[in-house]
Amino acid sequence: MRALLATALMLTSGCGLITRARPTPRGVLAVEAALAGPAVVMGAPIPLPLATAGASYGIAEKADLSAHTHLTTLATYRLAGFDLGGSFLAMEQRGGAPAVSLGARGYAFTHFSDGALLYADASATASWLLRERFLSYVDLTAQWSLWEKRVVLAPALGEEVQFGRLGLQLEARWHDPFYDTRGASAPWLSPFKRGAVGFAVGARYRFPSP
């Protein structure tokens, strides 16, 4: 039972991150926090309050590394969650053609006393920067769990509004759109009874480069 609970928490906590549409610039440190999660319908859609906090650093002209801690599982279940990943700008924006970023991330959730639960994801994000302030994007993330041994897709769309070094972000994501939720134990917000739609809000602050 404990392993099943931990696995469910692991899969849900992966939803607590928000998309970084483009890599953090070279030599820049950014801190970020997000509140996100799939929504349950309790008279109205209510997203699960899954919180994460972390940082990213630009290690090259078009690449960065990032890490986060998953606060909700730690505070509620004493299940420590961490992730480590990176992204790469594969194509610059040219006119109406979007910039394209590729990313990958690994996750570990653990009680420390009984091993760790591991999974990973890979993503592709197309984004359009308008007026140097409005960053619109679409994303497709594929998640893989060592225990379920299947790939879960999660498309998303979002908007980041940039105020100098501060960016504020809003995102909607459809988790596992091919999964039949008619027998699900939770009343997920499920278009066509498939998967679960979730929402996320986040903030990112980029420190000035040295």
N, C-alpha and C. Protein backbone atom coordinates (compact mmCIF):
# COMPACT_ATOMS: atom_id res chain seq x y z
N MET A 1 0.82 -1.20 0.00
CA MET A 1 0.00 0.00 0.00
C MET A 1 0.86 1.26 0.00
N ARG A 2 1.92 1.24 0.79
CA ARG A 2 2.79 2.40 0.83
C ARG A 2 3.44 2.68 -0.52
N ALA A 3 3.86 1.60 -1.21
CA ALA A 3 4.46 1.77 -2.53
C ALA A 3 3.46 2.31 -3.54
N LEU A 4 2.20 1.82 -3.46
CA LEU A 4 1.17 2.33 -4.37
C LEU A 4 0.90 3.80 -4.12
N LEU A 5 0.84 4.20 -2.85
CA LEU A 5 0.63 5.60 -2.51
C LEU A 5 1.77 6.45 -3.03
N ALA A 6 3.00 5.98 -2.83
CA ALA A 6 4.15 6.75 -3.28
C ALA A 6 4.17 6.89 -4.79
N THR A 7 3.80 5.81 -5.50
CA THR A 7 3.77 5.88 -6.96
C THR A 7 2.73 6.88 -7.44
N ALA A 8 1.56 6.86 -6.82
CA ALA A 8 0.52 7.82 -7.20
C ALA A 8 0.97 9.25 -6.94
N LEU A 9 1.62 9.46 -5.81
CA LEU A 9 2.11 10.80 -5.50
C LEU A 9 3.18 11.23 -6.48
N MET A 10 4.05 10.30 -6.85
CA MET A 10 5.11 10.62 -7.80
C MET A 10 4.53 11.08 -9.13
N LEU A 11 3.57 10.33 -9.65
CA LEU A 11 2.98 10.67 -10.93
C LEU A 11 2.25 11.99 -10.87
N THR A 12 1.57 12.25 -9.76
CA THR A 12 0.84 13.51 -9.61
C THR A 12 1.79 14.67 -9.45
N SER A 13 2.86 14.50 -8.70
CA SER A 13 3.78 15.61 -8.44
C SER A 13 4.53 16.04 -9.68
N GLY A 14 4.68 15.15 -10.65
CA GLY A 14 5.29 15.56 -11.90
C GLY A 14 4.51 16.65 -12.59
N CYS A 15 3.23 16.77 -12.23
CA CYS A 15 2.39 17.82 -12.80
C CYS A 15 2.66 19.17 -12.15
N GLY A 16 3.43 19.23 -11.09
CA GLY A 16 3.63 20.47 -10.36
C GLY A 16 4.60 21.43 -11.02
N LEU A 17 5.27 21.00 -12.07
CA LEU A 17 6.20 21.87 -12.78
C LEU A 17 5.49 22.65 -13.87
N ILE A 18 6.08 23.79 -14.25
CA ILE A 18 5.55 24.58 -15.35
C ILE A 18 6.62 24.64 -16.43
N THR A 19 6.19 24.75 -17.68
CA THR A 19 7.10 24.68 -18.82
C THR A 19 8.07 25.87 -18.84
N ARG A 20 9.34 25.58 -19.09
CA ARG A 20 10.31 26.62 -19.41
C ARG A 20 10.45 26.62 -20.92
N ALA A 21 9.77 27.56 -21.59
CA ALA A 21 9.63 27.52 -23.04
C ALA A 21 10.96 27.69 -23.76
N ARG A 22 11.89 28.46 -23.17
CA ARG A 22 13.21 28.65 -23.77
C ARG A 22 14.26 28.54 -22.67
N PRO A 23 15.46 28.08 -23.02
CA PRO A 23 16.50 27.93 -22.01
C PRO A 23 16.87 29.26 -21.36
N THR A 24 17.30 29.18 -20.12
CA THR A 24 17.84 30.35 -19.43
C THR A 24 19.12 30.80 -20.15
N PRO A 25 19.29 32.10 -20.40
CA PRO A 25 20.47 32.57 -21.15
C PRO A 25 21.79 32.20 -20.48
N ARG A 26 22.82 32.12 -21.27
CA ARG A 26 24.14 31.72 -20.78
C ARG A 26 24.62 32.64 -19.65
N GLY A 27 25.09 32.03 -18.56
CA GLY A 27 25.64 32.77 -17.43
C GLY A 27 24.60 33.39 -16.53
N VAL A 28 23.30 33.14 -16.78
CA VAL A 28 22.23 33.73 -15.98
C VAL A 28 21.66 32.67 -15.04
N LEU A 29 21.43 33.06 -13.79
CA LEU A 29 20.76 32.22 -12.80
C LEU A 29 19.33 32.70 -12.64
N ALA A 30 18.39 31.77 -12.70
CA ALA A 30 16.98 32.09 -12.52
C ALA A 30 16.39 31.22 -11.42
N VAL A 31 15.56 31.81 -10.59
CA VAL A 31 14.82 31.04 -9.58
C VAL A 31 13.35 31.05 -9.99
N GLU A 32 12.66 29.97 -9.66
CA GLU A 32 11.27 29.85 -10.09
C GLU A 32 10.45 29.04 -9.11
N ALA A 33 9.14 29.27 -9.14
CA ALA A 33 8.21 28.53 -8.31
C ALA A 33 6.92 28.37 -9.08
N ALA A 34 6.21 27.27 -8.83
CA ALA A 34 4.97 27.01 -9.55
C ALA A 34 3.98 26.31 -8.63
N LEU A 35 2.72 26.53 -8.92
CA LEU A 35 1.61 25.84 -8.27
C LEU A 35 0.76 25.26 -9.38
N ALA A 36 0.65 23.93 -9.42
CA ALA A 36 0.03 23.29 -10.58
C ALA A 36 -0.56 21.96 -10.18
N GLY A 37 -1.37 21.42 -11.09
CA GLY A 37 -1.89 20.09 -10.87
C GLY A 37 -3.13 19.82 -11.70
N PRO A 38 -3.45 18.54 -11.91
CA PRO A 38 -4.69 18.19 -12.61
C PRO A 38 -5.89 18.64 -11.79
N ALA A 39 -6.99 18.96 -12.47
CA ALA A 39 -8.16 19.52 -11.79
C ALA A 39 -9.19 18.42 -11.52
N VAL A 40 -9.79 18.48 -10.32
CA VAL A 40 -10.93 17.64 -9.99
C VAL A 40 -12.18 18.52 -10.00
N VAL A 41 -13.30 17.93 -10.38
CA VAL A 41 -14.53 18.69 -10.48
C VAL A 41 -15.31 18.54 -9.19
N MET A 42 -15.33 19.60 -8.38
CA MET A 42 -16.07 19.63 -7.12
C MET A 42 -17.07 20.80 -7.20
N GLY A 43 -18.06 20.64 -8.10
CA GLY A 43 -18.95 21.74 -8.40
C GLY A 43 -18.33 22.66 -9.44
N ALA A 44 -17.02 22.89 -9.32
CA ALA A 44 -16.22 23.64 -10.30
C ALA A 44 -14.85 22.97 -10.36
N PRO A 45 -14.14 23.13 -11.48
CA PRO A 45 -12.80 22.52 -11.58
C PRO A 45 -11.84 23.15 -10.57
N ILE A 46 -11.23 22.32 -9.74
CA ILE A 46 -10.29 22.79 -8.72
C ILE A 46 -8.96 22.08 -8.93
N PRO A 47 -7.91 22.79 -9.36
CA PRO A 47 -6.60 22.14 -9.54
C PRO A 47 -6.02 21.67 -8.22
N LEU A 48 -5.36 20.51 -8.22
CA LEU A 48 -4.65 20.06 -7.04
C LEU A 48 -3.48 21.00 -6.76
N PRO A 49 -3.29 21.41 -5.52
CA PRO A 49 -2.24 22.39 -5.20
C PRO A 49 -0.87 21.75 -5.05
N LEU A 50 -0.23 21.45 -6.16
CA LEU A 50 1.09 20.82 -6.15
C LEU A 50 2.15 21.89 -6.36
N ALA A 51 2.98 22.11 -5.36
CA ALA A 51 3.94 23.21 -5.40
C ALA A 51 5.36 22.70 -5.64
N THR A 52 6.10 23.44 -6.45
CA THR A 52 7.51 23.15 -6.68
C THR A 52 8.30 24.45 -6.62
N ALA A 53 9.58 24.34 -6.32
CA ALA A 53 10.48 25.49 -6.33
C ALA A 53 11.84 25.02 -6.80
N GLY A 54 12.54 25.88 -7.55
CA GLY A 54 13.83 25.46 -8.05
C GLY A 54 14.58 26.58 -8.73
N ALA A 55 15.57 26.19 -9.52
CA ALA A 55 16.43 27.16 -10.18
C ALA A 55 16.97 26.57 -11.47
N SER A 56 17.38 27.45 -12.38
CA SER A 56 18.02 27.04 -13.62
C SER A 56 19.21 27.95 -13.88
N TYR A 57 20.15 27.44 -14.66
CA TYR A 57 21.36 28.21 -14.96
C TYR A 57 21.77 27.95 -16.41
N GLY A 58 22.05 29.03 -17.14
CA GLY A 58 22.48 28.90 -18.52
C GLY A 58 23.92 28.47 -18.62
N ILE A 59 24.16 27.24 -19.08
CA ILE A 59 25.53 26.71 -19.13
C ILE A 59 26.18 26.95 -20.48
N ALA A 60 25.39 27.33 -21.48
CA ALA A 60 25.91 27.59 -22.83
C ALA A 60 24.98 28.58 -23.50
N GLU A 61 25.33 28.96 -24.72
CA GLU A 61 24.54 29.97 -25.43
C GLU A 61 23.09 29.55 -25.62
N LYS A 62 22.87 28.25 -25.81
CA LYS A 62 21.51 27.77 -26.07
C LYS A 62 21.10 26.61 -25.17
N ALA A 63 21.74 26.46 -24.03
CA ALA A 63 21.45 25.31 -23.16
C ALA A 63 21.51 25.71 -21.70
N ASP A 64 20.70 25.02 -20.89
CA ASP A 64 20.71 25.27 -19.44
C ASP A 64 20.52 23.97 -18.68
N LEU A 65 20.75 24.05 -17.38
CA LEU A 65 20.44 22.97 -16.44
C LEU A 65 19.49 23.51 -15.39
N SER A 66 18.65 22.63 -14.84
CA SER A 66 17.70 23.07 -13.82
C SER A 66 17.46 21.96 -12.80
N ALA A 67 16.99 22.36 -11.63
CA ALA A 67 16.66 21.42 -10.56
C ALA A 67 15.53 22.00 -9.72
N HIS A 68 14.70 21.11 -9.19
CA HIS A 68 13.56 21.54 -8.37
C HIS A 68 13.37 20.58 -7.20
N THR A 69 12.68 21.09 -6.18
CA THR A 69 12.19 20.24 -5.11
C THR A 69 10.67 20.32 -5.11
N HIS A 70 10.03 19.21 -4.77
CA HIS A 70 8.58 19.10 -4.83
C HIS A 70 8.03 19.25 -3.40
N LEU A 71 7.44 20.39 -3.13
CA LEU A 71 7.13 20.78 -1.76
C LEU A 71 5.89 20.11 -1.20
N THR A 72 4.89 19.83 -2.03
CA THR A 72 3.63 19.29 -1.51
C THR A 72 3.81 17.90 -0.94
N THR A 73 4.50 17.02 -1.66
CA THR A 73 4.71 15.67 -1.15
C THR A 73 5.57 15.67 0.10
N LEU A 74 6.52 16.59 0.17
CA LEU A 74 7.38 16.67 1.34
C LEU A 74 6.60 17.11 2.57
N ALA A 75 5.76 18.14 2.40
CA ALA A 75 5.01 18.68 3.53
C ALA A 75 3.88 17.76 3.98
N THR A 76 3.25 17.08 3.02
CA THR A 76 2.06 16.30 3.34
C THR A 76 2.38 14.86 3.71
N TYR A 77 3.32 14.24 2.99
CA TYR A 77 3.58 12.81 3.18
C TYR A 77 5.03 12.49 3.57
N ARG A 78 5.83 13.54 3.78
CA ARG A 78 7.25 13.35 4.07
C ARG A 78 7.94 12.52 2.99
N LEU A 79 7.47 12.70 1.78
CA LEU A 79 8.05 12.04 0.62
C LEU A 79 8.85 13.09 -0.13
N ALA A 80 10.17 12.99 -0.04
CA ALA A 80 11.04 13.99 -0.67
C ALA A 80 11.08 13.77 -2.17
N GLY A 81 10.88 14.85 -2.93
CA GLY A 81 10.91 14.75 -4.38
C GLY A 81 11.88 15.75 -4.98
N PHE A 82 12.67 15.28 -5.92
CA PHE A 82 13.67 16.13 -6.57
C PHE A 82 13.65 15.84 -8.07
N ASP A 83 14.04 16.82 -8.86
CA ASP A 83 14.24 16.56 -10.29
C ASP A 83 15.45 17.33 -10.77
N LEU A 84 16.04 16.81 -11.84
CA LEU A 84 17.20 17.43 -12.47
C LEU A 84 17.04 17.29 -13.98
N GLY A 85 17.21 18.39 -14.69
CA GLY A 85 17.02 18.32 -16.13
C GLY A 85 17.75 19.43 -16.86
N GLY A 86 17.46 19.54 -18.13
CA GLY A 86 18.08 20.57 -18.94
C GLY A 86 17.29 20.78 -20.21
N SER A 87 17.57 21.89 -20.90
CA SER A 87 16.89 22.17 -22.16
C SER A 87 17.89 22.78 -23.14
N PHE A 88 17.53 22.68 -24.42
CA PHE A 88 18.39 23.13 -25.50
C PHE A 88 17.54 23.80 -26.56
N LEU A 89 17.96 24.98 -27.01
CA LEU A 89 17.25 25.70 -28.07
C LEU A 89 17.70 25.14 -29.41
N ALA A 90 16.85 24.29 -30.00
CA ALA A 90 17.22 23.62 -31.24
C ALA A 90 17.01 24.51 -32.46
N MET A 91 16.10 25.49 -32.37
CA MET A 91 15.83 26.35 -33.52
C MET A 91 15.39 27.73 -33.04
N GLU A 92 15.96 28.77 -33.61
CA GLU A 92 15.61 30.14 -33.26
C GLU A 92 14.29 30.53 -33.94
N GLN A 93 13.59 31.51 -33.34
CA GLN A 93 12.39 32.04 -33.97
C GLN A 93 12.78 32.86 -35.20
N ARG A 94 12.06 32.62 -36.31
CA ARG A 94 12.31 33.35 -37.55
C ARG A 94 10.97 33.76 -38.14
N GLY A 95 10.62 35.05 -38.00
CA GLY A 95 9.34 35.51 -38.47
C GLY A 95 8.21 34.79 -37.77
N GLY A 96 7.32 34.17 -38.56
CA GLY A 96 6.21 33.43 -37.96
C GLY A 96 6.59 32.03 -37.54
N ALA A 97 7.78 31.57 -37.90
CA ALA A 97 8.23 30.23 -37.50
C ALA A 97 8.70 30.28 -36.06
N PRO A 98 8.23 29.38 -35.20
CA PRO A 98 8.54 29.46 -33.78
C PRO A 98 9.96 29.00 -33.46
N ALA A 99 10.44 29.43 -32.30
CA ALA A 99 11.62 28.81 -31.72
C ALA A 99 11.21 27.43 -31.19
N VAL A 100 12.14 26.49 -31.23
CA VAL A 100 11.86 25.13 -30.76
C VAL A 100 12.91 24.74 -29.72
N SER A 101 12.45 24.36 -28.54
CA SER A 101 13.34 23.90 -27.46
C SER A 101 13.06 22.43 -27.17
N LEU A 102 14.12 21.70 -26.88
CA LEU A 102 14.02 20.29 -26.49
C LEU A 102 14.52 20.15 -25.06
N GLY A 103 13.83 19.34 -24.27
CA GLY A 103 14.23 19.18 -22.88
C GLY A 103 14.10 17.75 -22.39
N ALA A 104 14.78 17.45 -21.29
CA ALA A 104 14.70 16.13 -20.65
C ALA A 104 14.88 16.33 -19.15
N ARG A 105 14.25 15.44 -18.38
CA ARG A 105 14.29 15.59 -16.92
C ARG A 105 14.15 14.23 -16.26
N GLY A 106 14.88 14.04 -15.17
CA GLY A 106 14.73 12.84 -14.36
C GLY A 106 14.22 13.20 -12.97
N TYR A 107 13.41 12.31 -12.38
CA TYR A 107 12.77 12.56 -11.08
C TYR A 107 13.10 11.44 -10.11
N ALA A 108 13.18 11.79 -8.83
CA ALA A 108 13.33 10.80 -7.76
C ALA A 108 12.47 11.21 -6.58
N PHE A 109 11.69 10.27 -6.06
CA PHE A 109 10.87 10.49 -4.87
C PHE A 109 11.23 9.41 -3.86
N THR A 110 11.48 9.81 -2.62
CA THR A 110 11.99 8.86 -1.65
C THR A 110 11.61 9.21 -0.22
N HIS A 111 11.46 8.18 0.60
CA HIS A 111 11.38 8.32 2.05
C HIS A 111 12.76 8.16 2.69
N PHE A 112 13.78 7.94 1.86
CA PHE A 112 15.17 7.72 2.26
C PHE A 112 15.39 6.37 2.92
N SER A 113 14.41 5.83 3.60
CA SER A 113 14.61 4.57 4.31
C SER A 113 14.26 3.35 3.45
N ASP A 114 13.56 3.55 2.32
CA ASP A 114 13.14 2.38 1.54
C ASP A 114 13.30 2.59 0.04
N GLY A 115 14.43 3.14 -0.36
CA GLY A 115 14.71 3.29 -1.79
C GLY A 115 14.02 4.50 -2.39
N ALA A 116 14.04 4.57 -3.72
CA ALA A 116 13.50 5.72 -4.42
C ALA A 116 12.63 5.28 -5.58
N LEU A 117 11.66 6.10 -5.92
CA LEU A 117 10.81 5.91 -7.09
C LEU A 117 11.32 6.84 -8.18
N LEU A 118 11.52 6.29 -9.37
CA LEU A 118 12.18 7.04 -10.43
C LEU A 118 11.30 7.12 -11.68
N TYR A 119 11.33 8.26 -12.34
CA TYR A 119 10.77 8.35 -13.67
C TYR A 119 11.39 9.51 -14.41
N ALA A 120 11.05 9.65 -15.69
CA ALA A 120 11.71 10.65 -16.53
C ALA A 120 10.73 11.19 -17.55
N ASP A 121 11.07 12.33 -18.13
CA ASP A 121 10.28 12.84 -19.24
C ASP A 121 11.16 13.52 -20.27
N ALA A 122 10.60 13.71 -21.46
CA ALA A 122 11.24 14.45 -22.53
C ALA A 122 10.19 15.35 -23.15
N SER A 123 10.61 16.53 -23.62
CA SER A 123 9.63 17.49 -24.11
C SER A 123 10.15 18.23 -25.33
N ALA A 124 9.20 18.73 -26.13
CA ALA A 124 9.48 19.63 -27.24
C ALA A 124 8.52 20.80 -27.13
N THR A 125 9.06 22.02 -27.22
CA THR A 125 8.26 23.22 -27.02
C THR A 125 8.48 24.19 -28.17
N ALA A 126 7.39 24.62 -28.79
CA ALA A 126 7.43 25.66 -29.81
C ALA A 126 6.93 26.96 -29.19
N SER A 127 7.65 28.07 -29.40
CA SER A 127 7.28 29.33 -28.75
C SER A 127 7.45 30.51 -29.69
N TRP A 128 6.64 31.53 -29.43
CA TRP A 128 6.66 32.77 -30.20
C TRP A 128 6.78 33.95 -29.24
N LEU A 129 7.81 34.76 -29.36
CA LEU A 129 7.99 35.94 -28.53
C LEU A 129 7.48 37.15 -29.29
N LEU A 130 6.52 37.86 -28.70
CA LEU A 130 5.90 39.02 -29.32
C LEU A 130 6.21 40.27 -28.50
N ARG A 131 6.67 41.32 -29.17
CA ARG A 131 6.95 42.61 -28.55
C ARG A 131 7.93 42.49 -27.38
N GLU A 132 8.77 41.48 -27.42
CA GLU A 132 9.80 41.27 -26.40
C GLU A 132 9.20 41.09 -25.00
N ARG A 133 7.91 40.76 -24.91
CA ARG A 133 7.27 40.63 -23.61
C ARG A 133 6.38 39.40 -23.50
N PHE A 134 5.66 39.09 -24.57
CA PHE A 134 4.66 38.03 -24.51
C PHE A 134 5.22 36.77 -25.19
N LEU A 135 5.41 35.73 -24.38
CA LEU A 135 5.96 34.47 -24.87
C LEU A 135 4.85 33.41 -24.87
N SER A 136 4.30 33.14 -26.05
CA SER A 136 3.26 32.13 -26.21
C SER A 136 3.90 30.82 -26.63
N TYR A 137 3.38 29.70 -26.13
CA TYR A 137 4.02 28.42 -26.45
C TYR A 137 3.03 27.27 -26.45
N VAL A 138 3.40 26.22 -27.18
CA VAL A 138 2.74 24.92 -27.11
C VAL A 138 3.81 23.89 -26.81
N ASP A 139 3.44 22.87 -26.08
CA ASP A 139 4.43 21.90 -25.60
C ASP A 139 3.84 20.50 -25.67
N LEU A 140 4.70 19.53 -25.93
CA LEU A 140 4.33 18.13 -25.83
C LEU A 140 5.38 17.43 -24.98
N THR A 141 4.94 16.86 -23.88
CA THR A 141 5.83 16.14 -22.96
C THR A 141 5.45 14.67 -22.93
N ALA A 142 6.45 13.81 -22.98
CA ALA A 142 6.26 12.37 -22.86
C ALA A 142 6.91 11.92 -21.56
N GLN A 143 6.13 11.30 -20.67
CA GLN A 143 6.62 10.84 -19.37
C GLN A 143 6.71 9.32 -19.36
N TRP A 144 7.72 8.82 -18.68
CA TRP A 144 7.92 7.37 -18.60
C TRP A 144 8.18 6.98 -17.16
N SER A 145 7.41 6.01 -16.67
CA SER A 145 7.54 5.50 -15.31
C SER A 145 8.18 4.13 -15.33
N LEU A 146 9.16 3.92 -14.46
CA LEU A 146 9.84 2.63 -14.37
C LEU A 146 8.89 1.52 -13.95
N TRP A 147 7.85 1.88 -13.18
CA TRP A 147 6.95 0.85 -12.65
C TRP A 147 5.80 0.56 -13.60
N GLU A 148 5.20 1.58 -14.19
CA GLU A 148 4.10 1.33 -15.11
C GLU A 148 4.57 0.85 -16.47
N LYS A 149 5.83 1.19 -16.81
CA LYS A 149 6.43 0.77 -18.08
C LYS A 149 5.55 1.16 -19.27
N ARG A 150 5.11 2.40 -19.28
CA ARG A 150 4.39 2.93 -20.42
C ARG A 150 4.68 4.41 -20.56
N VAL A 151 4.50 4.91 -21.76
CA VAL A 151 4.73 6.33 -22.03
C VAL A 151 3.41 7.08 -21.92
N VAL A 152 3.43 8.19 -21.20
CA VAL A 152 2.25 9.02 -21.02
C VAL A 152 2.50 10.36 -21.69
N LEU A 153 1.63 10.76 -22.60
CA LEU A 153 1.76 12.04 -23.29
C LEU A 153 0.98 13.12 -22.55
N ALA A 154 1.47 14.36 -22.64
CA ALA A 154 0.81 15.47 -21.95
C ALA A 154 1.02 16.76 -22.75
N PRO A 155 0.12 17.08 -23.69
CA PRO A 155 0.24 18.34 -24.43
C PRO A 155 -0.17 19.53 -23.57
N ALA A 156 0.38 20.71 -23.89
CA ALA A 156 0.08 21.91 -23.10
C ALA A 156 0.16 23.14 -23.99
N LEU A 157 -0.49 24.20 -23.52
CA LEU A 157 -0.31 25.52 -24.12
C LEU A 157 -0.27 26.53 -22.98
N GLY A 158 0.48 27.62 -23.20
CA GLY A 158 0.64 28.58 -22.12
C GLY A 158 1.12 29.92 -22.60
N GLU A 159 1.24 30.83 -21.65
CA GLU A 159 1.68 32.20 -21.91
C GLU A 159 2.54 32.67 -20.76
N GLU A 160 3.70 33.24 -21.09
CA GLU A 160 4.54 33.90 -20.10
C GLU A 160 4.63 35.38 -20.45
N VAL A 161 4.34 36.23 -19.48
CA VAL A 161 4.45 37.67 -19.66
C VAL A 161 5.67 38.14 -18.90
N GLN A 162 6.57 38.81 -19.58
CA GLN A 162 7.84 39.20 -19.00
C GLN A 162 7.85 40.67 -18.62
N PHE A 163 8.24 40.93 -17.37
CA PHE A 163 8.37 42.28 -16.85
C PHE A 163 9.84 42.48 -16.46
N GLY A 164 10.67 42.76 -17.45
CA GLY A 164 12.09 42.84 -17.16
C GLY A 164 12.63 41.47 -16.81
N ARG A 165 13.20 41.35 -15.61
CA ARG A 165 13.76 40.06 -15.17
C ARG A 165 12.70 39.11 -14.62
N LEU A 166 11.51 39.61 -14.37
CA LEU A 166 10.43 38.79 -13.80
C LEU A 166 9.51 38.30 -14.89
N GLY A 167 9.20 37.00 -14.85
CA GLY A 167 8.24 36.42 -15.76
C GLY A 167 7.11 35.76 -14.99
N LEU A 168 5.87 36.02 -15.40
CA LEU A 168 4.69 35.41 -14.81
C LEU A 168 4.03 34.53 -15.86
N GLN A 169 3.58 33.35 -15.44
CA GLN A 169 3.21 32.33 -16.41
C GLN A 169 1.90 31.65 -16.05
N LEU A 170 1.11 31.32 -17.08
CA LEU A 170 -0.14 30.59 -16.93
C LEU A 170 -0.17 29.49 -17.99
N GLU A 171 -0.59 28.30 -17.57
CA GLU A 171 -0.52 27.14 -18.47
C GLU A 171 -1.69 26.20 -18.25
N ALA A 172 -2.14 25.56 -19.34
CA ALA A 172 -3.12 24.48 -19.26
C ALA A 172 -2.50 23.24 -19.91
N ARG A 173 -2.67 22.09 -19.27
CA ARG A 173 -2.06 20.85 -19.78
C ARG A 173 -3.08 19.71 -19.70
N TRP A 174 -3.08 18.88 -20.74
CA TRP A 174 -3.95 17.70 -20.79
C TRP A 174 -3.11 16.48 -20.50
N HIS A 175 -3.24 15.95 -19.30
CA HIS A 175 -2.43 14.81 -18.86
C HIS A 175 -3.04 13.50 -19.36
N ASP A 176 -2.24 12.70 -20.06
CA ASP A 176 -2.61 11.36 -20.50
C ASP A 176 -3.94 11.34 -21.26
N PRO A 177 -4.04 12.04 -22.39
CA PRO A 177 -5.33 12.17 -23.09
C PRO A 177 -5.87 10.88 -23.68
N PHE A 178 -5.09 9.80 -23.70
CA PHE A 178 -5.59 8.53 -24.24
C PHE A 178 -6.08 7.58 -23.14
N TYR A 179 -6.00 8.02 -21.87
CA TYR A 179 -6.41 7.16 -20.76
C TYR A 179 -7.91 7.32 -20.48
N ASP A 180 -8.62 6.22 -20.41
CA ASP A 180 -10.06 6.22 -20.16
C ASP A 180 -10.31 6.45 -18.67
N THR A 181 -10.93 7.58 -18.32
CA THR A 181 -11.13 7.93 -16.91
C THR A 181 -12.54 7.60 -16.40
N ARG A 182 -13.32 6.86 -17.16
CA ARG A 182 -14.69 6.58 -16.72
C ARG A 182 -14.73 5.77 -15.44
N GLY A 183 -13.69 5.00 -15.15
CA GLY A 183 -13.65 4.25 -13.90
C GLY A 183 -12.70 4.83 -12.88
N ALA A 184 -12.27 6.08 -13.08
CA ALA A 184 -11.29 6.69 -12.18
C ALA A 184 -11.89 6.93 -10.80
N SER A 185 -11.02 6.86 -9.78
CA SER A 185 -11.48 7.07 -8.41
C SER A 185 -11.69 8.53 -8.08
N ALA A 186 -11.13 9.45 -8.89
CA ALA A 186 -11.29 10.88 -8.66
C ALA A 186 -12.06 11.50 -9.84
N PRO A 187 -12.89 12.51 -9.57
CA PRO A 187 -13.66 13.14 -10.65
C PRO A 187 -12.82 14.15 -11.43
N TRP A 188 -11.87 13.66 -12.23
CA TRP A 188 -10.98 14.53 -12.98
C TRP A 188 -11.76 15.35 -14.00
N LEU A 189 -11.24 16.53 -14.30
CA LEU A 189 -11.74 17.31 -15.42
C LEU A 189 -11.23 16.64 -16.69
N SER A 190 -12.07 15.83 -17.34
CA SER A 190 -11.64 14.92 -18.41
C SER A 190 -12.44 15.16 -19.68
N PRO A 191 -11.90 15.87 -20.66
CA PRO A 191 -12.60 16.01 -21.94
C PRO A 191 -12.80 14.64 -22.59
N PHE A 192 -14.03 14.37 -23.02
CA PHE A 192 -14.36 13.11 -23.68
C PHE A 192 -14.04 11.90 -22.79
N LYS A 193 -14.00 12.12 -21.46
CA LYS A 193 -13.69 11.05 -20.50
C LYS A 193 -12.30 10.46 -20.76
N ARG A 194 -11.38 11.32 -21.15
CA ARG A 194 -10.02 10.89 -21.40
C ARG A 194 -9.05 11.81 -20.66
N GLY A 195 -8.13 11.21 -19.90
CA GLY A 195 -7.09 11.96 -19.22
C GLY A 195 -7.64 12.95 -18.20
N ALA A 196 -6.81 13.95 -17.90
CA ALA A 196 -7.18 14.98 -16.93
C ALA A 196 -6.54 16.30 -17.33
N VAL A 197 -7.36 17.33 -17.39
CA VAL A 197 -6.85 18.67 -17.69
C VAL A 197 -6.38 19.32 -16.40
N GLY A 198 -5.21 19.93 -16.44
CA GLY A 198 -4.66 20.62 -15.27
C GLY A 198 -4.26 22.04 -15.63
N PHE A 199 -4.08 22.84 -14.59
CA PHE A 199 -3.70 24.24 -14.77
C PHE A 199 -2.49 24.54 -13.89
N ALA A 200 -1.71 25.54 -14.30
CA ALA A 200 -0.52 25.90 -13.56
C ALA A 200 -0.31 27.40 -13.62
N VAL A 201 0.19 27.94 -12.51
CA VAL A 201 0.65 29.32 -12.47
C VAL A 201 2.08 29.30 -11.93
N GLY A 202 2.91 30.19 -12.44
CA GLY A 202 4.30 30.18 -12.00
C GLY A 202 4.93 31.55 -12.12
N ALA A 203 6.05 31.70 -11.47
CA ALA A 203 6.83 32.93 -11.53
C ALA A 203 8.29 32.57 -11.64
N ARG A 204 9.03 33.39 -12.42
CA ARG A 204 10.45 33.14 -12.64
C ARG A 204 11.18 34.46 -12.57
N TYR A 205 12.29 34.50 -11.82
CA TYR A 205 13.09 35.73 -11.73
C TYR A 205 14.50 35.43 -12.18
N ARG A 206 14.99 36.20 -13.13
CA ARG A 206 16.34 36.03 -13.66
C ARG A 206 17.26 37.09 -13.05
N PHE A 207 18.28 36.64 -12.37
CA PHE A 207 19.26 37.56 -11.80
C PHE A 207 20.14 38.12 -12.91
N PRO A 208 20.64 39.34 -12.73
CA PRO A 208 21.53 39.90 -13.74
C PRO A 208 22.80 39.07 -13.87
N SER A 209 23.30 38.92 -15.08
CA SER A 209 24.52 38.16 -15.29
C SER A 209 25.71 38.93 -14.72
N PRO A 210 26.73 38.22 -14.23
CA PRO A 210 27.89 38.89 -13.63
C PRO A 210 28.64 39.73 -14.65
